[in-house]
PDB file of N, CA and C in Angstrom:
ATOM      1  N   MET A   1     -16.271  -5.628  -0.227  1.00  0.00           N
ATOM      2  CA  MET A   1     -17.241  -6.070   0.752  1.00  0.00           C
ATOM      3  C   MET A   1     -18.570  -5.412   0.423  1.00  0.00           C
ATOM      4  N   ARG A   2     -19.676  -6.069   0.741  1.00  0.00           N
ATOM      5  CA  ARG A   2     -21.008  -5.580   0.465  1.00  0.00           C
ATOM      6  C   ARG A   2     -21.508  -4.662   1.558  1.00  0.00           C
ATOM      7  N   ALA A   3     -20.662  -3.972   2.234  1.00  0.00           N
ATOM      8  CA  ALA A   3     -21.075  -3.159   3.375  1.00  0.00           C
ATOM      9  C   ALA A   3     -21.161  -1.699   2.984  1.00  0.00           C
ATOM     10  N   ALA A   4     -22.267  -1.092   3.366  1.00  0.00           N
ATOM     11  CA  ALA A   4     -22.384   0.357   3.193  1.00  0.00           C
ATOM     12  C   ALA A   4     -21.647   1.021   4.338  1.00  0.00           C
ATOM     13  N   PRO A   5     -21.013   2.121   4.090  1.00  0.00           N
ATOM     14  CA  PRO A   5     -20.330   2.793   5.192  1.00  0.00           C
ATOM     15  C   PRO A   5     -21.330   3.197   6.262  1.00  0.00           C
ATOM     16  N   THR A   6     -20.882   3.175   7.490  1.00  0.00           N
ATOM     17  CA  THR A   6     -21.731   3.626   8.576  1.00  0.00           C
ATOM     18  C   THR A   6     -21.879   5.131   8.448  1.00  0.00           C
ATOM     19  N   GLU A   7     -23.126   5.573   8.321  1.00  0.00           N
ATOM     20  CA  GLU A   7     -23.385   6.984   8.098  1.00  0.00           C
ATOM     21  C   GLU A   7     -23.393   7.728   9.419  1.00  0.00           C
ATOM     22  N   PRO A   8     -22.743   8.883   9.480  1.00  0.00           N
ATOM     23  CA  PRO A   8     -22.794   9.666  10.719  1.00  0.00           C
ATOM     24  C   PRO A   8     -24.173  10.281  10.881  1.00  0.00           C
ATOM     25  N   SER A   9     -24.581  10.467  12.102  1.00  0.00           N
ATOM     26  CA  SER A   9     -25.813  11.202  12.352  1.00  0.00           C
ATOM     27  C   SER A   9     -25.444  12.476  13.094  1.00  0.00           C
ATOM     28  N   THR A  10     -26.243  13.504  12.920  1.00  0.00           N
ATOM     29  CA  THR A  10     -25.931  14.757  13.579  1.00  0.00           C
ATOM     30  C   THR A  10     -26.878  14.976  14.747  1.00  0.00           C
ATOM     31  N   ILE A  11     -26.335  15.521  15.815  1.00  0.00           N
ATOM     32  CA  ILE A  11     -27.091  15.827  17.014  1.00  0.00           C
ATOM     33  C   ILE A  11     -26.823  17.279  17.354  1.00  0.00           C
ATOM     34  N   GLU A  12     -27.884  18.030  17.514  1.00  0.00           N
ATOM     35  CA  GLU A  12     -27.752  19.449  17.863  1.00  0.00           C
ATOM     36  C   GLU A  12     -27.740  19.580  19.381  1.00  0.00           C
ATOM     37  N   GLN A  13     -26.688  20.185  19.921  1.00  0.00           N
ATOM     38  CA  GLN A  13     -26.603  20.419  21.357  1.00  0.00           C
ATOM     39  C   GLN A  13     -26.699  21.914  21.609  1.00  0.00           C
ATOM     40  N   ALA A  14     -27.586  22.301  22.522  1.00  0.00           N
ATOM     41  CA  ALA A  14     -27.833  23.711  22.806  1.00  0.00           C
ATOM     42  C   ALA A  14     -26.546  24.433  23.190  1.00  0.00           C
ATOM     43  N   GLY A  15     -26.280  25.511  22.512  1.00  0.00           N
ATOM     44  CA  GLY A  15     -25.156  26.355  22.861  1.00  0.00           C
ATOM     45  C   GLY A  15     -23.794  25.868  22.400  1.00  0.00           C
ATOM     46  N   THR A  16     -23.690  24.660  21.866  1.00  0.00           N
ATOM     47  CA  THR A  16     -22.376  24.146  21.480  1.00  0.00           C
ATOM     48  C   THR A  16     -22.254  23.887  19.983  1.00  0.00           C
ATOM     49  N   GLY A  17     -23.349  23.999  19.239  1.00  0.00           N
ATOM     50  CA  GLY A  17     -23.284  23.756  17.811  1.00  0.00           C
ATOM     51  C   GLY A  17     -23.652  22.324  17.470  1.00  0.00           C
ATOM     52  N   THR A  18     -23.248  21.904  16.310  1.00  0.00           N
ATOM     53  CA  THR A  18     -23.582  20.575  15.818  1.00  0.00           C
ATOM     54  C   THR A  18     -22.462  19.595  16.126  1.00  0.00           C
ATOM     55  N   VAL A  19     -22.836  18.420  16.583  1.00  0.00           N
ATOM     56  CA  VAL A  19     -21.881  17.366  16.875  1.00  0.00           C
ATOM     57  C   VAL A  19     -22.179  16.201  15.944  1.00  0.00           C
ATOM     58  N   VAL A  20     -21.168  15.654  15.302  1.00  0.00           N
ATOM     59  CA  VAL A  20     -21.338  14.498  14.437  1.00  0.00           C
ATOM     60  C   VAL A  20     -20.989  13.254  15.233  1.00  0.00           C
ATOM     61  N   VAL A  21     -21.910  12.309  15.247  1.00  0.00           N
ATOM     62  CA  VAL A  21     -21.718  11.071  15.992  1.00  0.00           C
ATOM     63  C   VAL A  21     -21.766   9.915  15.006  1.00  0.00           C
ATOM     64  N   THR A  22     -20.775   9.051  15.036  1.00  0.00           N
ATOM     65  CA  THR A  22     -20.780   7.869  14.199  1.00  0.00           C
ATOM     66  C   THR A  22     -21.462   6.742  14.953  1.00  0.00           C
ATOM     67  N   LEU A  23     -22.504   6.197  14.345  1.00  0.00           N
ATOM     68  CA  LEU A  23     -23.240   5.121  14.977  1.00  0.00           C
ATOM     69  C   LEU A  23     -22.450   3.817  14.860  1.00  0.00           C
ATOM     70  N   PRO A  24     -22.525   2.948  15.871  1.00  0.00           N
ATOM     71  CA  PRO A  24     -21.786   1.690  15.792  1.00  0.00           C
ATOM     72  C   PRO A  24     -22.329   0.801  14.677  1.00  0.00           C
ATOM     73  N   PRO A  25     -21.469   0.060  14.016  1.00  0.00           N
ATOM     74  CA  PRO A  25     -21.912  -0.790  12.912  1.00  0.00           C
ATOM     75  C   PRO A  25     -22.518  -2.103  13.407  1.00  0.00           C
ATOM     76  N   TYR A  26     -23.497  -2.571  12.667  1.00  0.00           N
ATOM     77  CA  TYR A  26     -24.110  -3.881  12.895  1.00  0.00           C
ATOM     78  C   TYR A  26     -24.092  -4.645  11.584  1.00  0.00           C
ATOM     79  N   ARG A  27     -23.921  -5.949  11.706  1.00  0.00           N
ATOM     80  CA  ARG A  27     -23.842  -6.817  10.535  1.00  0.00           C
ATOM     81  C   ARG A  27     -25.169  -7.541  10.356  1.00  0.00           C
ATOM     82  N   LEU A  28     -25.754  -7.433   9.180  1.00  0.00           N
ATOM     83  CA  LEU A  28     -26.952  -8.179   8.834  1.00  0.00           C
ATOM     84  C   LEU A  28     -26.511  -9.451   8.124  1.00  0.00           C
ATOM     85  N   LEU A  29     -26.918 -10.586   8.665  1.00  0.00           N
ATOM     86  CA  LEU A  29     -26.501 -11.875   8.134  1.00  0.00           C
ATOM     87  C   LEU A  29     -27.694 -12.641   7.568  1.00  0.00           C
ATOM     88  N   LEU A  30     -27.497 -13.259   6.423  1.00  0.00           N
ATOM     89  CA  LEU A  30     -28.491 -14.123   5.803  1.00  0.00           C
ATOM     90  C   LEU A  30     -28.059 -15.565   6.032  1.00  0.00           C
ATOM     91  N   HIS A  31     -28.992 -16.384   6.499  1.00  0.00           N
ATOM     92  CA  HIS A  31     -28.701 -17.793   6.758  1.00  0.00           C
ATOM     93  C   HIS A  31     -29.338 -18.662   5.678  1.00  0.00           C
ATOM     94  N   ASN A  32     -28.646 -19.713   5.304  1.00  0.00           N
ATOM     95  CA  ASN A  32     -29.158 -20.647   4.308  1.00  0.00           C
ATOM     96  C   ASN A  32     -30.343 -21.413   4.886  1.00  0.00           C
ATOM     97  N   ASP A  33     -31.260 -21.775   4.014  1.00  0.00           N
ATOM     98  CA  ASP A  33     -32.340 -22.673   4.407  1.00  0.00           C
ATOM     99  C   ASP A  33     -32.614 -23.628   3.253  1.00  0.00           C
ATOM    100  N   GLU A  34     -33.398 -24.625   3.516  1.00  0.00           N
ATOM    101  CA  GLU A  34     -33.716 -25.624   2.491  1.00  0.00           C
ATOM    102  C   GLU A  34     -35.111 -25.391   1.909  1.00  0.00           C
ATOM    103  N   VAL A  35     -35.698 -24.231   2.164  1.00  0.00           N
ATOM    104  CA  VAL A  35     -37.082 -23.962   1.780  1.00  0.00           C
ATOM    105  C   VAL A  35     -37.170 -23.048   0.564  1.00  0.00           C
ATOM    106  N   ASN A  36     -36.429 -21.940   0.588  1.00  0.00           N
ATOM    107  CA  ASN A  36     -36.559 -20.912  -0.446  1.00  0.00           C
ATOM    108  C   ASN A  36     -35.676 -21.191  -1.649  1.00  0.00           C
ATOM    109  N   SER A  37     -36.222 -20.897  -2.834  1.00  0.00           N
ATOM    110  CA  SER A  37     -35.426 -21.059  -4.053  1.00  0.00           C
ATOM    111  C   SER A  37     -34.376 -19.954  -4.132  1.00  0.00           C
ATOM    112  N   MET A  38     -33.337 -20.205  -4.893  1.00  0.00           N
ATOM    113  CA  MET A  38     -32.280 -19.212  -5.062  1.00  0.00           C
ATOM    114  C   MET A  38     -32.829 -17.939  -5.699  1.00  0.00           C
ATOM    115  N   ASP A  39     -33.703 -18.083  -6.674  1.00  0.00           N
ATOM    116  CA  ASP A  39     -34.299 -16.910  -7.329  1.00  0.00           C
ATOM    117  C   ASP A  39     -35.101 -16.085  -6.334  1.00  0.00           C
ATOM    118  N   HIS A  40     -35.871 -16.752  -5.479  1.00  0.00           N
ATOM    119  CA  HIS A  40     -36.663 -16.040  -4.471  1.00  0.00           C
ATOM    120  C   HIS A  40     -35.749 -15.257  -3.530  1.00  0.00           C
ATOM    121  N   VAL A  41     -34.663 -15.870  -3.087  1.00  0.00           N
ATOM    122  CA  VAL A  41     -33.737 -15.209  -2.166  1.00  0.00           C
ATOM    123  C   VAL A  41     -33.161 -13.950  -2.809  1.00  0.00           C
ATOM    124  N   VAL A  42     -32.745 -14.040  -4.049  1.00  0.00           N
ATOM    125  CA  VAL A  42     -32.175 -12.878  -4.743  1.00  0.00           C
ATOM    126  C   VAL A  42     -33.225 -11.771  -4.875  1.00  0.00           C
ATOM    127  N   GLN A  43     -34.437 -12.129  -5.261  1.00  0.00           N
ATOM    128  CA  GLN A  43     -35.496 -11.129  -5.413  1.00  0.00           C
ATOM    129  C   GLN A  43     -35.814 -10.446  -4.084  1.00  0.00           C
ATOM    130  N   VAL A  44     -35.890 -11.218  -3.002  1.00  0.00           N
ATOM    131  CA  VAL A  44     -36.182 -10.642  -1.688  1.00  0.00           C
ATOM    132  C   VAL A  44     -35.038  -9.729  -1.245  1.00  0.00           C
ATOM    133  N   LEU A  45     -33.796 -10.137  -1.470  1.00  0.00           N
ATOM    134  CA  LEU A  45     -32.661  -9.281  -1.120  1.00  0.00           C
ATOM    135  C   LEU A  45     -32.744  -7.949  -1.860  1.00  0.00           C
ATOM    136  N   LEU A  46     -33.044  -7.990  -3.136  1.00  0.00           N
ATOM    137  CA  LEU A  46     -33.111  -6.762  -3.932  1.00  0.00           C
ATOM    138  C   LEU A  46     -34.263  -5.858  -3.483  1.00  0.00           C
ATOM    139  N   GLN A  47     -35.384  -6.444  -3.108  1.00  0.00           N
ATOM    140  CA  GLN A  47     -36.536  -5.656  -2.652  1.00  0.00           C
ATOM    141  C   GLN A  47     -36.324  -5.109  -1.247  1.00  0.00           C
ATOM    142  N   SER A  48     -35.596  -5.835  -0.420  1.00  0.00           N
ATOM    143  CA  SER A  48     -35.498  -5.506   1.003  1.00  0.00           C
ATOM    144  C   SER A  48     -34.307  -4.635   1.362  1.00  0.00           C
ATOM    145  N   VAL A  49     -33.237  -4.724   0.594  1.00  0.00           N
ATOM    146  CA  VAL A  49     -32.000  -4.000   0.905  1.00  0.00           C
ATOM    147  C   VAL A  49     -31.633  -3.165  -0.326  1.00  0.00           C
ATOM    148  N   PRO A  50     -32.119  -1.927  -0.383  1.00  0.00           N
ATOM    149  CA  PRO A  50     -31.940  -1.126  -1.595  1.00  0.00           C
ATOM    150  C   PRO A  50     -30.493  -0.836  -1.977  1.00  0.00           C
ATOM    151  N   GLU A  51     -29.566  -0.948  -1.035  1.00  0.00           N
ATOM    152  CA  GLU A  51     -28.156  -0.684  -1.366  1.00  0.00           C
ATOM    153  C   GLU A  51     -27.533  -1.784  -2.226  1.00  0.00           C
ATOM    154  N   LEU A  52     -28.152  -2.958  -2.281  1.00  0.00           N
ATOM    155  CA  LEU A  52     -27.568  -4.073  -3.016  1.00  0.00           C
ATOM    156  C   LEU A  52     -27.839  -3.980  -4.511  1.00  0.00           C
ATOM    157  N   ALA A  53     -26.784  -4.160  -5.289  1.00  0.00           N
ATOM    158  CA  ALA A  53     -26.908  -4.302  -6.734  1.00  0.00           C
ATOM    159  C   ALA A  53     -27.271  -5.762  -7.031  1.00  0.00           C
ATOM    160  N   PRO A  54     -27.839  -6.050  -8.188  1.00  0.00           N
ATOM    161  CA  PRO A  54     -28.196  -7.435  -8.507  1.00  0.00           C
ATOM    162  C   PRO A  54     -27.032  -8.420  -8.367  1.00  0.00           C
ATOM    163  N   GLU A  55     -25.842  -8.013  -8.793  1.00  0.00           N
ATOM    164  CA  GLU A  55     -24.684  -8.912  -8.690  1.00  0.00           C
ATOM    165  C   GLU A  55     -24.344  -9.195  -7.226  1.00  0.00           C
ATOM    166  N   GLU A  56     -24.503  -8.198  -6.376  1.00  0.00           N
ATOM    167  CA  GLU A  56     -24.222  -8.378  -4.951  1.00  0.00           C
ATOM    168  C   GLU A  56     -25.255  -9.299  -4.304  1.00  0.00           C
ATOM    169  N   ALA A  57     -26.516  -9.151  -4.689  1.00  0.00           N
ATOM    170  CA  ALA A  57     -27.559 -10.019  -4.151  1.00  0.00           C
ATOM    171  C   ALA A  57     -27.303 -11.478  -4.524  1.00  0.00           C
ATOM    172  N   VAL A  58     -26.887 -11.708  -5.754  1.00  0.00           N
ATOM    173  CA  VAL A  58     -26.554 -13.072  -6.190  1.00  0.00           C
ATOM    174  C   VAL A  58     -25.361 -13.600  -5.388  1.00  0.00           C
ATOM    175  N   ALA A  59     -24.348 -12.773  -5.191  1.00  0.00           N
ATOM    176  CA  ALA A  59     -23.165 -13.196  -4.430  1.00  0.00           C
ATOM    177  C   ALA A  59     -23.525 -13.532  -2.984  1.00  0.00           C
ATOM    178  N   VAL A  60     -24.401 -12.725  -2.354  1.00  0.00           N
ATOM    179  CA  VAL A  60     -24.840 -13.002  -0.982  1.00  0.00           C
ATOM    180  C   VAL A  60     -25.570 -14.342  -0.939  1.00  0.00           C
ATOM    181  N   MET A  61     -26.492 -14.540  -1.873  1.00  0.00           N
ATOM    182  CA  MET A  61     -27.252 -15.789  -1.921  1.00  0.00           C
ATOM    183  C   MET A  61     -26.329 -16.983  -2.094  1.00  0.00           C
ATOM    184  N   LEU A  62     -25.369 -16.894  -2.995  1.00  0.00           N
ATOM    185  CA  LEU A  62     -24.451 -18.016  -3.249  1.00  0.00           C
ATOM    186  C   LEU A  62     -23.569 -18.302  -2.031  1.00  0.00           C
ATOM    187  N   GLU A  63     -23.109 -17.247  -1.355  1.00  0.00           N
ATOM    188  CA  GLU A  63     -22.298 -17.440  -0.168  1.00  0.00           C
ATOM    189  C   GLU A  63     -23.104 -18.113   0.947  1.00  0.00           C
ATOM    190  N   ALA A  64     -24.333 -17.659   1.145  1.00  0.00           N
ATOM    191  CA  ALA A  64     -25.188 -18.280   2.163  1.00  0.00           C
ATOM    192  C   ALA A  64     -25.446 -19.746   1.817  1.00  0.00           C
ATOM    193  N   HIS A  65     -25.670 -20.020   0.554  1.00  0.00           N
ATOM    194  CA  HIS A  65     -25.909 -21.397   0.106  1.00  0.00           C
ATOM    195  C   HIS A  65     -24.684 -22.284   0.341  1.00  0.00           C
ATOM    196  N   ALA A  66     -23.515 -21.765   0.020  1.00  0.00           N
ATOM    197  CA  ALA A  66     -22.283 -22.561   0.126  1.00  0.00           C
ATOM    198  C   ALA A  66     -21.743 -22.636   1.551  1.00  0.00           C
ATOM    199  N   GLU A  67     -21.825 -21.532   2.304  1.00  0.00           N
ATOM    200  CA  GLU A  67     -21.189 -21.447   3.624  1.00  0.00           C
ATOM    201  C   GLU A  67     -22.168 -21.557   4.790  1.00  0.00           C
ATOM    202  N   GLY A  68     -23.461 -21.442   4.500  1.00  0.00           N
ATOM    203  CA  GLY A  68     -24.456 -21.504   5.556  1.00  0.00           C
ATOM    204  C   GLY A  68     -24.886 -20.153   6.077  1.00  0.00           C
ATOM    205  N   VAL A  69     -24.060 -19.145   5.870  1.00  0.00           N
ATOM    206  CA  VAL A  69     -24.373 -17.783   6.304  1.00  0.00           C
ATOM    207  C   VAL A  69     -23.572 -16.807   5.445  1.00  0.00           C
ATOM    208  N   ALA A  70     -24.153 -15.614   5.216  1.00  0.00           N
ATOM    209  CA  ALA A  70     -23.468 -14.599   4.402  1.00  0.00           C
ATOM    210  C   ALA A  70     -23.750 -13.219   4.957  1.00  0.00           C
ATOM    211  N   LEU A  71     -22.752 -12.356   4.864  1.00  0.00           N
ATOM    212  CA  LEU A  71     -22.904 -10.958   5.232  1.00  0.00           C
ATOM    213  C   LEU A  71     -23.683 -10.240   4.142  1.00  0.00           C
ATOM    214  N   VAL A  72     -24.778  -9.589   4.529  1.00  0.00           N
ATOM    215  CA  VAL A  72     -25.580  -8.837   3.578  1.00  0.00           C
ATOM    216  C   VAL A  72     -25.106  -7.392   3.530  1.00  0.00           C
ATOM    217  N   ILE A  73     -24.991  -6.759   4.704  1.00  0.00           N
ATOM    218  CA  ILE A  73     -24.623  -5.350   4.777  1.00  0.00           C
ATOM    219  C   ILE A  73     -24.176  -5.025   6.198  1.00  0.00           C
ATOM    220  N   VAL A  74     -23.371  -3.989   6.318  1.00  0.00           N
ATOM    221  CA  VAL A  74     -23.004  -3.430   7.620  1.00  0.00           C
ATOM    222  C   VAL A  74     -23.600  -2.031   7.654  1.00  0.00           C
ATOM    223  N   CYS A  75     -24.385  -1.741   8.706  1.00  0.00           N
ATOM    224  CA  CYS A  75     -25.094  -0.468   8.790  1.00  0.00           C
ATOM    225  C   CYS A  75     -25.500  -0.199  10.235  1.00  0.00           C
ATOM    226  N   PRO A  76     -26.057   0.971  10.524  1.00  0.00           N
ATOM    227  CA  PRO A  76     -26.537   1.248  11.878  1.00  0.00           C
ATOM    228  C   PRO A  76     -27.660   0.273  12.281  1.00  0.00           C
ATOM    229  N   LEU A  77     -27.838   0.101  13.571  1.00  0.00           N
ATOM    230  CA  LEU A  77     -28.763  -0.888  14.107  1.00  0.00           C
ATOM    231  C   LEU A  77     -30.184  -0.725  13.571  1.00  0.00           C
ATOM    232  N   GLU A  78     -30.713   0.474  13.565  1.00  0.00           N
ATOM    233  CA  GLU A  78     -32.096   0.671  13.152  1.00  0.00           C
ATOM    234  C   GLU A  78     -32.334   0.211  11.717  1.00  0.00           C
ATOM    235  N   ARG A  79     -31.394   0.503  10.843  1.00  0.00           N
ATOM    236  CA  ARG A  79     -31.522   0.071   9.449  1.00  0.00           C
ATOM    237  C   ARG A  79     -31.365  -1.439   9.347  1.00  0.00           C
ATOM    238  N   ALA A  80     -30.427  -2.006  10.106  1.00  0.00           N
ATOM    239  CA  ALA A  80     -30.243  -3.459  10.104  1.00  0.00           C
ATOM    240  C   ALA A  80     -31.514  -4.161  10.578  1.00  0.00           C
ATOM    241  N   GLU A  81     -32.161  -3.606  11.587  1.00  0.00           N
ATOM    242  CA  GLU A  81     -33.412  -4.189  12.081  1.00  0.00           C
ATOM    243  C   GLU A  81     -34.517  -4.117  11.026  1.00  0.00           C
ATOM    244  N   LEU A  82     -34.595  -2.991  10.330  1.00  0.00           N
ATOM    245  CA  LEU A  82     -35.575  -2.845   9.259  1.00  0.00           C
ATOM    246  C   LEU A  82     -35.351  -3.890   8.183  1.00  0.00           C
ATOM    247  N   TYR A  83     -34.116  -4.034   7.719  1.00  0.00           N
ATOM    248  CA  TYR A  83     -33.812  -4.993   6.659  1.00  0.00           C
ATOM    249  C   TYR A  83     -34.036  -6.428   7.136  1.00  0.00           C
ATOM    250  N   ARG A  84     -33.633  -6.733   8.373  1.00  0.00           N
ATOM    251  CA  ARG A  84     -33.873  -8.070   8.922  1.00  0.00           C
ATOM    252  C   ARG A  84     -35.366  -8.388   8.919  1.00  0.00           C
ATOM    253  N   ASP A  85     -36.157  -7.445   9.367  1.00  0.00           N
ATOM    254  CA  ASP A  85     -37.599  -7.668   9.430  1.00  0.00           C
ATOM    255  C   ASP A  85     -38.197  -7.852   8.034  1.00  0.00           C
ATOM    256  N   ARG A  86     -37.696  -7.107   7.062  1.00  0.00           N
ATOM    257  CA  ARG A  86     -38.161  -7.266   5.682  1.00  0.00           C
ATOM    258  C   ARG A  86     -37.827  -8.669   5.167  1.00  0.00           C
ATOM    259  N   LEU A  87     -36.595  -9.114   5.412  1.00  0.00           N
ATOM    260  CA  LEU A  87     -36.183 -10.441   4.955  1.00  0.00           C
ATOM    261  C   LEU A  87     -37.021 -11.524   5.619  1.00  0.00           C
ATOM    262  N   ARG A  88     -37.184 -11.419   6.916  1.00  0.00           N
ATOM    263  CA  ARG A  88     -37.987 -12.404   7.650  1.00  0.00           C
ATOM    264  C   ARG A  88     -39.432 -12.406   7.180  1.00  0.00           C
ATOM    265  N   GLY A  89     -39.953 -11.245   6.860  1.00  0.00           N
ATOM    266  CA  GLY A  89     -41.328 -11.140   6.381  1.00  0.00           C
ATOM    267  C   GLY A  89     -41.562 -11.861   5.064  1.00  0.00           C
ATOM    268  N   GLN A  90     -40.500 -12.110   4.331  1.00  0.00           N
ATOM    269  CA  GLN A  90     -40.579 -12.824   3.055  1.00  0.00           C
ATOM    270  C   GLN A  90     -40.088 -14.270   3.191  1.00  0.00           C
ATOM    271  N   GLY A  91     -39.958 -14.744   4.434  1.00  0.00           N
ATOM    272  CA  GLY A  91     -39.643 -16.148   4.652  1.00  0.00           C
ATOM    273  C   GLY A  91     -38.171 -16.495   4.732  1.00  0.00           C
ATOM    274  N   LEU A  92     -37.280 -15.489   4.724  1.00  0.00           N
ATOM    275  CA  LEU A  92     -35.851 -15.767   4.836  1.00  0.00           C
ATOM    276  C   LEU A  92     -35.422 -15.730   6.300  1.00  0.00           C
ATOM    277  N   THR A  93     -34.273 -16.325   6.582  1.00  0.00           N
ATOM    278  CA  THR A  93     -33.731 -16.324   7.925  1.00  0.00           C
ATOM    279  C   THR A  93     -32.574 -15.335   7.974  1.00  0.00           C
ATOM    280  N   ALA A  94     -32.712 -14.318   8.826  1.00  0.00           N
ATOM    281  CA  ALA A  94     -31.691 -13.276   8.930  1.00  0.00           C
ATOM    282  C   ALA A  94     -31.498 -12.909  10.392  1.00  0.00           C
ATOM    283  N   THR A  95     -30.258 -12.574  10.732  1.00  0.00           N
ATOM    284  CA  THR A  95     -29.924 -12.161  12.098  1.00  0.00           C
ATOM    285  C   THR A  95     -29.024 -10.928  12.034  1.00  0.00           C
ATOM    286  N   ILE A  96     -28.875 -10.300  13.193  1.00  0.00           N
ATOM    287  CA  ILE A  96     -28.016  -9.120  13.317  1.00  0.00           C
ATOM    288  C   ILE A  96     -26.991  -9.391  14.409  1.00  0.00           C
ATOM    289  N   GLU A  97     -25.772  -8.944  14.158  1.00  0.00           N
ATOM    290  CA  GLU A  97     -24.755  -8.984  15.220  1.00  0.00           C
ATOM    291  C   GLU A  97     -23.968  -7.682  15.177  1.00  0.00           C
ATOM    292  N   ARG A  98     -23.439  -7.312  16.319  1.00  0.00           N
ATOM    293  CA  ARG A  98     -22.620  -6.088  16.389  1.00  0.00           C
ATOM    294  C   ARG A  98     -21.367  -6.301  15.564  1.00  0.00           C
ATOM    295  N   GLY A  99     -21.052  -5.339  14.720  1.00  0.00           N
ATOM    296  CA  GLY A  99     -19.932  -5.486  13.807  1.00  0.00           C
ATOM    297  C   GLY A  99     -18.756  -4.745  14.235  1.00  0.00           C
TER     298      GLY A  99
END
């Protein structure tokens, strides 16, 4: 799967030490469109989602093209929002759902 593990974040609580909290996962989805070329989609994925290898970006693009939607990555909400906004800023259609 093209999902990065959900990274724990640490929260310091006074007098009790460090607590590790696992953030809930969110799924970033890429939707097919009839506007963008396949090459453009792959390039935008690679620029916008640094965890993706070129082969993974091609696989995401092909899945979105064939199925209408593809999972890009599973990550914490803030990162998913950043990546969604990057994709949208380059003309792609992307959404987030709780994973």
